[in-house]
């Protein structure tokens, strides 16, 4: 059993760690509030933009409207945009994302290249020798659209040039403080499922609901709108991922603080037992000495 001095040092060390985790929890709580505000400020606009893209894609003539809406007959290359954190101490947040990416794309039928957003994802994929096309690390905590749009532009340019035939977006949907869901979205060419149509337009949507009137020219407007709306989906995914990251870190630090408190309680109990044993031994020595003197 450890000595009383060693127990005191361990208790002090664990208390210091709990102070650090408590401070990190407070910082993450402040950051997650700001991230949620930024997310809520853009979520309605992003949802409406996605709804417009959904409607356009579901039209009979959509394949001829824009090259970003046209699927390739025989895809040869795929591009995956992976969004992770720049820092750790967020529980299994980063590990879950990379595990999901590997399960989804490790045995994909065509070669896959990656664009990483966040140092943790970049480092893990580089360690596994995955081809990384570009890296966008050290993203600001409250990024503007202009700071994120380069990611979308890079994906759109490579798709239009024919260097990639499919573009996927892997990020984390923020559901609540205790729940974040890793999600994959096919970004290019746009593909809408029946479930998505029901979610966006209702159960009885036929795909031929309200028609859009384009001024001055349909092609000119779509050439501007579709790449911008595609970049907007990337921007919204960045905001979702940042809110999820801060929430995961806050929960992880709270759990670490609670565990430290429990460990301190257990160590304190063990220390008290060691101290009590030492006091008992001292009393026994005194009593033994007194009895020896009385016997003389």
C-alpha atoms as a PDB file:
ATOM      1  CA  UNK A   1       0.000   0.000   0.000  1.00  0.00           C
ATOM      2  CA  UNK A   2       1.207   3.532  -0.815  1.00  0.00           C
ATOM      3  CA  UNK A   3       2.441   5.722   1.996  1.00  0.00           C
ATOM      4  CA  UNK A   4       0.432   8.645   3.368  1.00  0.00           C
ATOM      5  CA  UNK A   5       2.735  11.126   1.614  1.00  0.00           C
ATOM      6  CA  UNK A   6       2.260   9.390  -1.747  1.00  0.00           C
ATOM      7  CA  UNK A   7      -1.518   9.373  -1.232  1.00  0.00           C
ATOM      8  CA  UNK A   8      -1.511  13.118  -0.494  1.00  0.00           C
ATOM      9  CA  UNK A   9       0.466  13.794  -3.682  1.00  0.00           C
ATOM     10  CA  UNK A  10      -1.957  11.700  -5.755  1.00  0.00           C
ATOM     11  CA  UNK A  11      -4.966  13.491  -4.258  1.00  0.00           C
ATOM     12  CA  UNK A  12      -3.385  16.879  -5.001  1.00  0.00           C
ATOM     13  CA  UNK A  13      -2.574  15.818  -8.569  1.00  0.00           C
ATOM     14  CA  UNK A  14      -6.121  14.600  -9.269  1.00  0.00           C
ATOM     15  CA  UNK A  15      -7.592  17.806  -7.793  1.00  0.00           C
ATOM     16  CA  UNK A  16      -5.381  19.876 -10.098  1.00  0.00           C
ATOM     17  CA  UNK A  17      -6.564  17.848 -13.101  1.00  0.00           C
ATOM     18  CA  UNK A  18     -10.191  18.321 -12.071  1.00  0.00           C
ATOM     19  CA  UNK A  19      -9.654  22.090 -11.976  1.00  0.00           C
ATOM     20  CA  UNK A  20      -8.299  21.978 -15.541  1.00  0.00           C
ATOM     21  CA  UNK A  21     -11.201  19.861 -16.822  1.00  0.00           C
ATOM     22  CA  UNK A  22     -13.704  22.125 -15.059  1.00  0.00           C
ATOM     23  CA  UNK A  23     -12.155  25.157 -16.764  1.00  0.00           C
ATOM     24  CA  UNK A  24     -12.227  23.423 -20.167  1.00  0.00           C
ATOM     25  CA  UNK A  25     -15.868  22.525 -19.589  1.00  0.00           C
ATOM     26  CA  UNK A  26     -16.695  26.182 -18.926  1.00  0.00           C
ATOM     27  CA  UNK A  27     -14.819  27.312 -22.035  1.00  0.00           C
ATOM     28  CA  UNK A  28     -16.569  24.695 -24.191  1.00  0.00           C
ATOM     29  CA  UNK A  29     -19.964  25.694 -22.747  1.00  0.00           C
ATOM     30  CA  UNK A  30     -19.362  29.298 -23.825  1.00  0.00           C
ATOM     31  CA  UNK A  31     -18.168  28.212 -27.275  1.00  0.00           C
ATOM     32  CA  UNK A  32     -21.045  25.828 -27.859  1.00  0.00           C
ATOM     33  CA  UNK A  33     -23.575  28.588 -27.113  1.00  0.00           C
ATOM     34  CA  UNK A  34     -21.978  30.811 -29.754  1.00  0.00           C
ATOM     35  CA  UNK A  35     -21.776  27.902 -32.205  1.00  0.00           C
ATOM     36  CA  UNK A  36     -25.461  27.092 -31.720  1.00  0.00           C
ATOM     37  CA  UNK A  37     -26.390  30.742 -32.299  1.00  0.00           C
ATOM     38  CA  UNK A  38     -24.394  30.800 -35.551  1.00  0.00           C
ATOM     39  CA  UNK A  39     -25.938  27.479 -36.572  1.00  0.00           C
ATOM     40  CA  UNK A  40     -29.498  28.595 -35.904  1.00  0.00           C
ATOM     41  CA  UNK A  41     -28.887  31.877 -37.742  1.00  0.00           C
ATOM     42  CA  UNK A  42     -28.095  30.065 -40.997  1.00  0.00           C
ATOM     43  CA  UNK A  43     -30.054  26.812 -40.668  1.00  0.00           C
ATOM     44  CA  UNK A  44     -33.325  28.182 -42.130  1.00  0.00           C
ATOM     45  CA  UNK A  45     -31.568  29.730 -45.128  1.00  0.00           C
ATOM     46  CA  UNK A  46     -29.528  26.570 -45.762  1.00  0.00           C
ATOM     47  CA  UNK A  47     -32.665  24.438 -45.489  1.00  0.00           C
ATOM     48  CA  UNK A  48     -34.486  26.623 -48.006  1.00  0.00           C
ATOM     49  CA  UNK A  49     -31.497  26.564 -50.375  1.00  0.00           C
ATOM     50  CA  UNK A  50     -31.427  22.756 -50.122  1.00  0.00           C
ATOM     51  CA  UNK A  51     -35.176  22.747 -50.798  1.00  0.00           C
ATOM     52  CA  UNK A  52     -34.672  24.788 -53.975  1.00  0.00           C
ATOM     53  CA  UNK A  53     -31.905  22.446 -55.146  1.00  0.00           C
ATOM     54  CA  UNK A  54     -34.145  19.491 -54.335  1.00  0.00           C
ATOM     55  CA  UNK A  55     -36.963  20.900 -56.429  1.00  0.00           C
ATOM     56  CA  UNK A  56     -34.707  21.685 -59.391  1.00  0.00           C
ATOM     57  CA  UNK A  57     -33.102  18.249 -59.301  1.00  0.00           C
ATOM     58  CA  UNK A  58     -36.475  16.540 -59.219  1.00  0.00           C
ATOM     59  CA  UNK A  59     -37.642  18.161 -62.456  1.00  0.00           C
ATOM     60  CA  UNK A  60     -37.743  15.942 -65.596  1.00  0.00           C
ATOM     61  CA  UNK A  61     -35.305  18.172 -67.481  1.00  0.00           C
ATOM     62  CA  UNK A  62     -32.904  18.625 -64.533  1.00  0.00           C
ATOM     63  CA  UNK A  63     -30.064  16.637 -66.161  1.00  0.00           C
ATOM     64  CA  UNK A  64     -29.787  19.291 -68.859  1.00  0.00           C
ATOM     65  CA  UNK A  65     -29.970  22.280 -66.547  1.00  0.00           C
ATOM     66  CA  UNK A  66     -26.450  22.250 -65.119  1.00  0.00           C
ATOM     67  CA  UNK A  67     -23.376  19.948 -65.148  1.00  0.00           C
ATOM     68  CA  UNK A  68     -23.396  19.794 -61.341  1.00  0.00           C
ATOM     69  CA  UNK A  69     -26.761  18.031 -61.544  1.00  0.00           C
ATOM     70  CA  UNK A  70     -25.646  15.473 -64.141  1.00  0.00           C
ATOM     71  CA  UNK A  71     -24.476  12.061 -62.830  1.00  0.00           C
ATOM     72  CA  UNK A  72     -21.532  10.414 -64.580  1.00  0.00           C
ATOM     73  CA  UNK A  73     -22.201   7.096 -66.306  1.00  0.00           C
ATOM     74  CA  UNK A  74     -19.073   5.307 -65.058  1.00  0.00           C
ATOM     75  CA  UNK A  75     -17.554   7.107 -62.050  1.00  0.00           C
ATOM     76  CA  UNK A  76     -13.773   6.751 -61.925  1.00  0.00           C
ATOM     77  CA  UNK A  77     -12.845   8.835 -58.865  1.00  0.00           C
ATOM     78  CA  UNK A  78     -14.562  10.058 -55.718  1.00  0.00           C
ATOM     79  CA  UNK A  79     -13.826  12.949 -53.383  1.00  0.00           C
ATOM     80  CA  UNK A  80     -14.774  12.952 -49.692  1.00  0.00           C
ATOM     81  CA  UNK A  81     -14.783  16.100 -47.562  1.00  0.00           C
ATOM     82  CA  UNK A  82     -14.147  14.991 -43.957  1.00  0.00           C
ATOM     83  CA  UNK A  83     -14.873  17.388 -41.098  1.00  0.00           C
ATOM     84  CA  UNK A  84     -13.171  16.788 -37.758  1.00  0.00           C
ATOM     85  CA  UNK A  85     -11.764  18.955 -34.963  1.00  0.00           C
ATOM     86  CA  UNK A  86      -8.386  20.659 -34.689  1.00  0.00           C
ATOM     87  CA  UNK A  87      -8.062  19.599 -31.052  1.00  0.00           C
ATOM     88  CA  UNK A  88      -8.705  16.528 -28.971  1.00  0.00           C
ATOM     89  CA  UNK A  89     -10.212  16.188 -25.485  1.00  0.00           C
ATOM     90  CA  UNK A  90     -13.630  15.682 -27.084  1.00  0.00           C
ATOM     91  CA  UNK A  91     -14.249  12.072 -26.153  1.00  0.00           C
ATOM     92  CA  UNK A  92     -14.773   9.782 -29.147  1.00  0.00           C
ATOM     93  CA  UNK A  93     -15.854  12.643 -31.452  1.00  0.00           C
ATOM     94  CA  UNK A  94     -12.919  12.505 -33.899  1.00  0.00           C
ATOM     95  CA  UNK A  95     -12.503   8.729 -33.692  1.00  0.00           C
ATOM     96  CA  UNK A  96     -16.168   8.116 -34.539  1.00  0.00           C
ATOM     97  CA  UNK A  97     -15.933  10.293 -37.650  1.00  0.00           C
ATOM     98  CA  UNK A  98     -12.810   8.577 -38.985  1.00  0.00           C
ATOM     99  CA  UNK A  99     -14.249   5.139 -38.182  1.00  0.00           C
ATOM    100  CA  UNK A 100     -17.400   6.071 -40.119  1.00  0.00           C
ATOM    101  CA  UNK A 101     -15.328   7.297 -43.090  1.00  0.00           C
ATOM    102  CA  UNK A 102     -13.296   4.088 -43.195  1.00  0.00           C
ATOM    103  CA  UNK A 103     -16.376   1.886 -42.956  1.00  0.00           C
ATOM    104  CA  UNK A 104     -18.095   3.837 -45.719  1.00  0.00           C
ATOM    105  CA  UNK A 105     -15.224   4.476 -48.161  1.00  0.00           C
ATOM    106  CA  UNK A 106     -12.350   2.110 -47.353  1.00  0.00           C
ATOM    107  CA  UNK A 107     -13.706  -0.475 -49.813  1.00  0.00           C
ATOM    108  CA  UNK A 108     -15.424   1.953 -52.173  1.00  0.00           C
ATOM    109  CA  UNK A 109     -15.505   0.627 -55.768  1.00  0.00           C
ATOM    110  CA  UNK A 110     -13.518   3.599 -57.144  1.00  0.00           C
ATOM    111  CA  UNK A 111     -10.387   5.379 -55.820  1.00  0.00           C
ATOM    112  CA  UNK A 112     -11.172   7.970 -53.134  1.00  0.00           C
ATOM    113  CA  UNK A 113      -9.377  11.248 -52.416  1.00  0.00           C
ATOM    114  CA  UNK A 114      -9.964  13.330 -49.307  1.00  0.00           C
ATOM    115  CA  UNK A 115     -10.295  16.970 -48.348  1.00  0.00           C
ATOM    116  CA  UNK A 116      -9.805  17.303 -44.596  1.00  0.00           C
ATOM    117  CA  UNK A 117     -11.219  20.040 -42.411  1.00  0.00           C
ATOM    118  CA  UNK A 118      -9.480  19.804 -39.033  1.00  0.00           C
ATOM    119  CA  UNK A 119      -6.034  18.599 -37.938  1.00  0.00           C
ATOM    120  CA  UNK A 120      -7.257  15.433 -36.208  1.00  0.00           C
ATOM    121  CA  UNK A 121      -8.821  14.039 -39.362  1.00  0.00           C
ATOM    122  CA  UNK A 122      -5.815  15.069 -41.449  1.00  0.00           C
ATOM    123  CA  UNK A 123      -3.340  13.391 -39.087  1.00  0.00           C
ATOM    124  CA  UNK A 124      -5.333  10.164 -38.804  1.00  0.00           C
ATOM    125  CA  UNK A 125      -5.888   9.833 -42.556  1.00  0.00           C
ATOM    126  CA  UNK A 126      -2.246  10.716 -43.298  1.00  0.00           C
ATOM    127  CA  UNK A 127      -1.128   8.060 -40.797  1.00  0.00           C
ATOM    128  CA  UNK A 128      -3.219   5.546 -42.756  1.00  0.00           C
ATOM    129  CA  UNK A 129      -1.605   6.770 -46.000  1.00  0.00           C
ATOM    130  CA  UNK A 130      -4.865   7.968 -47.523  1.00  0.00           C
ATOM    131  CA  UNK A 131      -4.541  10.441 -50.448  1.00  0.00           C
ATOM    132  CA  UNK A 132      -5.293  13.946 -49.131  1.00  0.00           C
ATOM    133  CA  UNK A 133      -6.054  16.472 -51.856  1.00  0.00           C
ATOM    134  CA  UNK A 134      -6.218  19.513 -49.563  1.00  0.00           C
ATOM    135  CA  UNK A 135      -6.358  20.404 -45.890  1.00  0.00           C
ATOM    136  CA  UNK A 136      -8.270  23.204 -44.188  1.00  0.00           C
ATOM    137  CA  UNK A 137      -7.079  23.192 -40.587  1.00  0.00           C
ATOM    138  CA  UNK A 138      -7.269  25.901 -37.908  1.00  0.00           C
ATOM    139  CA  UNK A 139     -10.736  26.981 -38.982  1.00  0.00           C
ATOM    140  CA  UNK A 140     -11.874  30.031 -36.937  1.00  0.00           C
ATOM    141  CA  UNK A 141     -14.404  29.329 -34.197  1.00  0.00           C
ATOM    142  CA  UNK A 142     -17.032  31.492 -35.901  1.00  0.00           C
ATOM    143  CA  UNK A 143     -16.140  31.177 -39.601  1.00  0.00           C
ATOM    144  CA  UNK A 144     -17.645  33.423 -42.218  1.00  0.00           C
ATOM    145  CA  UNK A 145     -18.981  32.041 -45.467  1.00  0.00           C
ATOM    146  CA  UNK A 146     -16.039  33.550 -47.356  1.00  0.00           C
ATOM    147  CA  UNK A 147     -13.586  31.557 -45.183  1.00  0.00           C
ATOM    148  CA  UNK A 148     -15.340  28.250 -45.937  1.00  0.00           C
ATOM    149  CA  UNK A 149     -16.414  28.798 -49.544  1.00  0.00           C
ATOM    150  CA  UNK A 150     -12.947  27.801 -50.801  1.00  0.00           C
ATOM    151  CA  UNK A 151     -13.735  24.201 -49.806  1.00  0.00           C
ATOM    152  CA  UNK A 152     -16.890  24.177 -51.905  1.00  0.00           C
ATOM    153  CA  UNK A 153     -15.172  25.912 -54.821  1.00  0.00           C
ATOM    154  CA  UNK A 154     -12.383  23.325 -54.839  1.00  0.00           C
ATOM    155  CA  UNK A 155     -14.890  20.456 -54.918  1.00  0.00           C
ATOM    156  CA  UNK A 156     -16.999  22.123 -57.641  1.00  0.00           C
ATOM    157  CA  UNK A 157     -13.959  22.920 -59.803  1.00  0.00           C
ATOM    158  CA  UNK A 158     -12.609  19.362 -59.598  1.00  0.00           C
ATOM    159  CA  UNK A 159     -16.031  17.957 -60.438  1.00  0.00           C
ATOM    160  CA  UNK A 160     -16.503  20.249 -63.451  1.00  0.00           C
ATOM    161  CA  UNK A 161     -12.974  19.487 -64.714  1.00  0.00           C
ATOM    162  CA  UNK A 162     -13.765  15.774 -64.522  1.00  0.00           C
ATOM    163  CA  UNK A 163     -11.003  15.019 -62.011  1.00  0.00           C
ATOM    164  CA  UNK A 164     -13.633  13.552 -59.664  1.00  0.00           C
ATOM    165  CA  UNK A 165     -17.010  12.083 -60.558  1.00  0.00           C
ATOM    166  CA  UNK A 166     -18.614  12.044 -57.097  1.00  0.00           C
ATOM    167  CA  UNK A 167     -18.266  14.323 -54.079  1.00  0.00           C
ATOM    168  CA  UNK A 168     -19.392  13.309 -50.591  1.00  0.00           C
ATOM    169  CA  UNK A 169     -19.561  15.338 -47.406  1.00  0.00           C
ATOM    170  CA  UNK A 170     -18.982  13.646 -44.027  1.00  0.00           C
ATOM    171  CA  UNK A 171     -19.799  15.756 -40.988  1.00  0.00           C
ATOM    172  CA  UNK A 172     -21.590  15.592 -37.643  1.00  0.00           C
ATOM    173  CA  UNK A 173     -25.193  16.707 -37.280  1.00  0.00           C
ATOM    174  CA  UNK A 174     -25.839  18.609 -34.060  1.00  0.00           C
ATOM    175  CA  UNK A 175     -29.033  17.198 -32.528  1.00  0.00           C
ATOM    176  CA  UNK A 176     -28.629  18.164 -28.875  1.00  0.00           C
ATOM    177  CA  UNK A 177     -25.937  18.720 -26.279  1.00  0.00           C
ATOM    178  CA  UNK A 178     -25.813  15.004 -25.578  1.00  0.00           C
ATOM    179  CA  UNK A 179     -26.386  13.691 -29.110  1.00  0.00           C
ATOM    180  CA  UNK A 180     -24.408  14.250 -32.295  1.00  0.00           C
ATOM    181  CA  UNK A 181     -24.834  12.014 -35.350  1.00  0.00           C
ATOM    182  CA  UNK A 182     -22.149  11.381 -37.970  1.00  0.00           C
ATOM    183  CA  UNK A 183     -23.752  11.882 -41.367  1.00  0.00           C
ATOM    184  CA  UNK A 184     -22.765  11.538 -45.036  1.00  0.00           C
ATOM    185  CA  UNK A 185     -24.306  13.603 -47.810  1.00  0.00           C
ATOM    186  CA  UNK A 186     -23.720  13.202 -51.524  1.00  0.00           C
ATOM    187  CA  UNK A 187     -22.838  16.726 -52.556  1.00  0.00           C
ATOM    188  CA  UNK A 188     -22.162  16.277 -56.282  1.00  0.00           C
ATOM    189  CA  UNK A 189     -23.894  15.298 -58.455  1.00  0.00           C
ATOM    190  CA  UNK A 190     -26.939  16.169 -56.413  1.00  0.00           C
ATOM    191  CA  UNK A 191     -29.040  13.121 -55.590  1.00  0.00           C
ATOM    192  CA  UNK A 192     -32.301  13.351 -53.685  1.00  0.00           C
ATOM    193  CA  UNK A 193     -34.010  10.364 -52.139  1.00  0.00           C
ATOM    194  CA  UNK A 194     -37.753   9.876 -51.713  1.00  0.00           C
ATOM    195  CA  UNK A 195     -37.351  10.300 -47.954  1.00  0.00           C
ATOM    196  CA  UNK A 196     -35.684  13.671 -48.508  1.00  0.00           C
ATOM    197  CA  UNK A 197     -38.509  14.805 -50.805  1.00  0.00           C
ATOM    198  CA  UNK A 198     -41.100  13.857 -48.182  1.00  0.00           C
ATOM    199  CA  UNK A 199     -39.067  15.677 -45.512  1.00  0.00           C
ATOM    200  CA  UNK A 200     -38.758  18.842 -47.611  1.00  0.00           C
ATOM    201  CA  UNK A 201     -42.111  19.038 -49.362  1.00  0.00           C
ATOM    202  CA  UNK A 202     -44.543  16.680 -47.673  1.00  0.00           C
ATOM    203  CA  UNK A 203     -45.958  13.221 -48.263  1.00  0.00           C
ATOM    204  CA  UNK A 204     -47.850  14.059 -51.451  1.00  0.00           C
ATOM    205  CA  UNK A 205     -45.068  15.893 -53.268  1.00  0.00           C
ATOM    206  CA  UNK A 206     -44.929  14.916 -56.961  1.00  0.00           C
ATOM    207  CA  UNK A 207     -41.784  16.801 -57.912  1.00  0.00           C
ATOM    208  CA  UNK A 208     -43.796  19.091 -60.183  1.00  0.00           C
ATOM    209  CA  UNK A 209     -45.006  21.562 -57.587  1.00  0.00           C
ATOM    210  CA  UNK A 210     -44.503  25.282 -57.935  1.00  0.00           C
ATOM    211  CA  UNK A 211     -42.541  26.182 -61.062  1.00  0.00           C
ATOM    212  CA  UNK A 212     -39.763  28.766 -60.856  1.00  0.00           C
ATOM    213  CA  UNK A 213     -39.558  31.728 -63.197  1.00  0.00           C
ATOM    214  CA  UNK A 214     -35.978  32.746 -63.994  1.00  0.00           C
ATOM    215  CA  UNK A 215     -34.950  36.295 -64.820  1.00  0.00           C
ATOM    216  CA  UNK A 216     -32.974  37.337 -66.766  1.00  0.00           C
ATOM    217  CA  UNK A 217     -31.905  33.864 -67.930  1.00  0.00           C
ATOM    218  CA  UNK A 218     -32.326  30.395 -66.431  1.00  0.00           C
ATOM    219  CA  UNK A 219     -28.844  29.164 -67.359  1.00  0.00           C
ATOM    220  CA  UNK A 220     -27.113  32.290 -66.091  1.00  0.00           C
ATOM    221  CA  UNK A 221     -28.915  32.167 -62.750  1.00  0.00           C
ATOM    222  CA  UNK A 222     -28.330  28.449 -62.252  1.00  0.00           C
ATOM    223  CA  UNK A 223     -24.624  28.844 -63.072  1.00  0.00           C
ATOM    224  CA  UNK A 224     -24.405  31.298 -60.175  1.00  0.00           C
ATOM    225  CA  UNK A 225     -26.896  29.720 -57.800  1.00  0.00           C
ATOM    226  CA  UNK A 226     -26.026  26.007 -57.829  1.00  0.00           C
ATOM    227  CA  UNK A 227     -22.282  26.366 -57.032  1.00  0.00           C
ATOM    228  CA  UNK A 228     -23.123  28.919 -54.336  1.00  0.00           C
ATOM    229  CA  UNK A 229     -25.822  26.725 -52.802  1.00  0.00           C
ATOM    230  CA  UNK A 230     -23.411  23.774 -52.946  1.00  0.00           C
ATOM    231  CA  UNK A 231     -20.809  25.820 -51.045  1.00  0.00           C
ATOM    232  CA  UNK A 232     -23.545  26.792 -48.613  1.00  0.00           C
ATOM    233  CA  UNK A 233     -24.123  23.124 -47.762  1.00  0.00           C
ATOM    234  CA  UNK A 234     -20.405  22.849 -46.899  1.00  0.00           C
ATOM    235  CA  UNK A 235     -20.632  25.990 -44.759  1.00  0.00           C
ATOM    236  CA  UNK A 236     -23.655  24.646 -42.911  1.00  0.00           C
ATOM    237  CA  UNK A 237     -21.838  21.352 -42.328  1.00  0.00           C
ATOM    238  CA  UNK A 238     -18.890  23.263 -40.814  1.00  0.00           C
ATOM    239  CA  UNK A 239     -21.241  25.030 -38.390  1.00  0.00           C
ATOM    240  CA  UNK A 240     -22.958  21.741 -37.503  1.00  0.00           C
ATOM    241  CA  UNK A 241     -19.588  20.088 -36.893  1.00  0.00           C
ATOM    242  CA  UNK A 242     -18.281  22.937 -34.736  1.00  0.00           C
ATOM    243  CA  UNK A 243     -21.379  22.915 -32.541  1.00  0.00           C
ATOM    244  CA  UNK A 244     -21.089  19.123 -32.238  1.00  0.00           C
ATOM    245  CA  UNK A 245     -17.385  19.339 -31.388  1.00  0.00           C
ATOM    246  CA  UNK A 246     -17.860  21.873 -28.582  1.00  0.00           C
ATOM    247  CA  UNK A 247     -20.824  19.936 -27.195  1.00  0.00           C
ATOM    248  CA  UNK A 248     -18.834  16.674 -27.246  1.00  0.00           C
ATOM    249  CA  UNK A 249     -15.873  18.362 -25.535  1.00  0.00           C
ATOM    250  CA  UNK A 250     -18.086  19.931 -22.894  1.00  0.00           C
ATOM    251  CA  UNK A 251     -19.697  16.579 -22.074  1.00  0.00           C
ATOM    252  CA  UNK A 252     -16.296  14.832 -22.062  1.00  0.00           C
ATOM    253  CA  UNK A 253     -14.812  17.430 -19.696  1.00  0.00           C
ATOM    254  CA  UNK A 254     -17.861  17.234 -17.429  1.00  0.00           C
ATOM    255  CA  UNK A 255     -17.496  13.456 -17.250  1.00  0.00           C
ATOM    256  CA  UNK A 256     -13.770  13.844 -16.586  1.00  0.00           C
ATOM    257  CA  UNK A 257     -14.485  16.289 -13.741  1.00  0.00           C
ATOM    258  CA  UNK A 258     -17.055  13.934 -12.216  1.00  0.00           C
ATOM    259  CA  UNK A 259     -14.648  11.009 -12.494  1.00  0.00           C
ATOM    260  CA  UNK A 260     -11.902  13.075 -10.862  1.00  0.00           C
ATOM    261  CA  UNK A 261     -14.210  13.882  -7.954  1.00  0.00           C
ATOM    262  CA  UNK A 262     -15.021  10.199  -7.504  1.00  0.00           C
ATOM    263  CA  UNK A 263     -11.324   9.325  -7.664  1.00  0.00           C
ATOM    264  CA  UNK A 264     -10.489  11.988  -5.073  1.00  0.00           C
ATOM    265  CA  UNK A 265     -13.169  10.558  -2.781  1.00  0.00           C
ATOM    266  CA  UNK A 266     -11.747   7.044  -3.182  1.00  0.00           C
ATOM    267  CA  UNK A 267      -8.188   8.245  -2.630  1.00  0.00           C
ATOM    268  CA  UNK A 268      -9.250  10.284   0.390  1.00  0.00           C
ATOM    269  CA  UNK A 269     -10.868   7.202   1.897  1.00  0.00           C
ATOM    270  CA  UNK A 270      -7.739   5.156   1.242  1.00  0.00           C
ATOM    271  CA  UNK A 271      -5.601   7.957   2.709  1.00  0.00           C
ATOM    272  CA  UNK A 272      -7.745   8.044   5.829  1.00  0.00           C
ATOM    273  CA  UNK A 273      -7.322   4.294   6.228  1.00  0.00           C
ATOM    274  CA  UNK A 274      -3.547   4.568   5.868  1.00  0.00           C
ATOM    275  CA  UNK A 275      -3.455   7.474   8.327  1.00  0.00           C
ATOM    276  CA  UNK A 276      -5.706   5.633  10.767  1.00  0.00           C
ATOM    277  CA  UNK A 277      -3.482   2.552  10.528  1.00  0.00           C
ATOM    278  CA  UNK A 278      -0.408   4.681  11.225  1.00  0.00           C
ATOM    279  CA  UNK A 279      -2.092   6.275  14.259  1.00  0.00           C
ATOM    280  CA  UNK A 280      -3.160   2.844  15.515  1.00  0.00           C
ATOM    281  CA  UNK A 281       0.383   1.554  15.161  1.00  0.00           C
ATOM    282  CA  UNK A 282       1.695   4.580  17.092  1.00  0.00           C
ATOM    283  CA  UNK A 283      -0.827   3.993  19.888  1.00  0.00           C
ATOM    284  CA  UNK A 284       0.113   0.320  20.034  1.00  0.00           C
ATOM    285  CA  UNK A 285       3.778   1.284  20.320  1.00  0.00           C
ATOM    286  CA  UNK A 286       3.003   3.723  23.159  1.00  0.00           C
ATOM    287  CA  UNK A 287       0.856   1.193  25.002  1.00  0.00           C
ATOM    288  CA  UNK A 288       3.464  -1.497  24.528  1.00  0.00           C
ATOM    289  CA  UNK A 289       6.153   0.809  25.872  1.00  0.00           C
ATOM    290  CA  UNK A 290       4.022   1.775  28.856  1.00  0.00           C
ATOM    291  CA  UNK A 291       3.322  -1.842  29.706  1.00  0.00           C
ATOM    292  CA  UNK A 292       7.024  -2.650  29.451  1.00  0.00           C
ATOM    293  CA  UNK A 293       7.864   0.155  31.873  1.00  0.00           C
ATOM    294  CA  UNK A 294       5.118  -0.962  34.284  1.00  0.00           C
ATOM    295  CA  UNK A 295       6.416  -4.522  34.203  1.00  0.00           C
ATOM    296  CA  UNK A 296       9.836  -3.329  35.358  1.00  0.00           C
END
